[in-house]
Every structure is written in structure tokens, then in C-alpha cells.
Protein backbone atom coordinates (compact mmCIF):
# COMPACT_ATOMS: atom_id res chain seq x y z
CA UNK A 1 30.13 -14.85 77.70
CA UNK A 2 33.83 -14.70 77.01
CA UNK A 3 35.22 -16.37 73.89
CA UNK A 4 37.97 -18.82 74.91
CA UNK A 5 38.95 -20.49 71.63
CA UNK A 6 37.82 -20.53 68.03
CA UNK A 7 38.62 -23.29 65.53
CA UNK A 8 37.36 -24.07 62.04
CA UNK A 9 34.70 -26.42 63.47
CA UNK A 10 33.53 -24.74 66.70
CA UNK A 11 33.84 -21.83 69.13
CA UNK A 12 34.22 -22.30 72.89
CA UNK A 13 32.79 -19.73 75.31
CA UNK A 14 33.08 -19.43 79.10
CA UNK A 15 29.96 -18.28 80.91
CA UNK A 16 29.91 -16.00 83.97
CA UNK A 17 29.05 -19.09 86.05
CA UNK A 18 32.35 -20.70 85.02
CA UNK A 19 30.72 -23.31 82.80
CA UNK A 20 31.53 -23.75 79.12
CA UNK A 21 29.39 -23.46 76.01
CA UNK A 22 30.32 -24.75 72.55
CA UNK A 23 28.86 -23.43 69.31
CA UNK A 24 29.38 -25.35 66.05
CA UNK A 25 30.32 -23.68 62.77
CA UNK A 26 26.66 -23.95 61.65
CA UNK A 27 25.72 -21.57 64.55
CA UNK A 28 24.04 -24.38 66.54
CA UNK A 29 24.93 -25.07 70.19
CA UNK A 30 26.69 -28.39 70.86
CA UNK A 31 25.27 -30.55 73.66
CA UNK A 32 25.93 -33.67 75.74
CA UNK A 33 28.61 -36.20 74.76
CA UNK A 34 29.89 -34.22 71.78
CA UNK A 35 30.43 -31.12 73.95
CA UNK A 36 32.18 -33.19 76.62
CA UNK A 37 34.54 -34.73 74.05
CA UNK A 38 35.46 -31.29 72.67
CA UNK A 39 36.15 -29.85 76.14
CA UNK A 40 38.20 -32.92 77.14
CA UNK A 41 40.26 -32.66 73.93
CA UNK A 42 40.97 -28.98 74.67
CA UNK A 43 41.92 -29.87 78.29
CA UNK A 44 39.36 -27.41 79.69
CA UNK A 45 37.69 -30.05 81.86
CA UNK A 46 38.73 -33.35 83.43
CA UNK A 47 36.67 -36.50 83.46
CA UNK A 48 35.43 -37.57 86.89
CA UNK A 49 36.68 -40.93 88.10
CA UNK A 50 34.18 -43.34 89.65
CA UNK A 51 34.48 -43.89 93.39
CA UNK A 52 36.00 -47.25 94.32
CA UNK A 53 33.56 -49.83 95.64
CA UNK A 54 33.96 -50.72 99.32
CA UNK A 55 35.83 -53.97 99.94
CA UNK A 56 33.57 -56.90 100.92
CA UNK A 57 36.09 -58.10 103.55
CA UNK A 58 35.77 -54.82 105.48
CA UNK A 59 31.97 -55.20 105.62
CA UNK A 60 32.25 -58.79 106.88
CA UNK A 61 34.60 -57.81 109.70
CA UNK A 62 32.27 -55.04 110.86
CA UNK A 63 29.30 -57.44 111.00
CA UNK A 64 31.28 -60.04 112.97
CA UNK A 65 32.24 -57.55 115.72
């Protein structure tokens, strides 16, 4: 793993697979929502946007045809 950034609270690593790992200052790995918030704050990842729901009018027109 390659060390990307080190702060007073955590260290960010990049794995060979391209994914990120975060280790807290107490030598424990950070997981889930906390890890996501750290990576978003450092601009290393972007948050996925939900897909827009299909419009109900378009479905009604297709059924009428």
C-alpha cells in the first residue's frame, strides 16, 4: 500500500486495487460511514448520485399505444 496523506488524526493509504484504506491515530482501521466522510473531505472520492426515477407520464403513453 502506498501512503497518500498523513494527518494528526488518520493516515490514508491507496491499495494496489485502487481502493483506499484509512487508519486512525490509535492504529485501528476506519470503516464504513466514517471512512467515507474522511475520503469525501479529502476529495479522493465522489459521492454517487441516485438515478432519477422514470416519469409516470412516459409510462402511461407507452401503455396507451
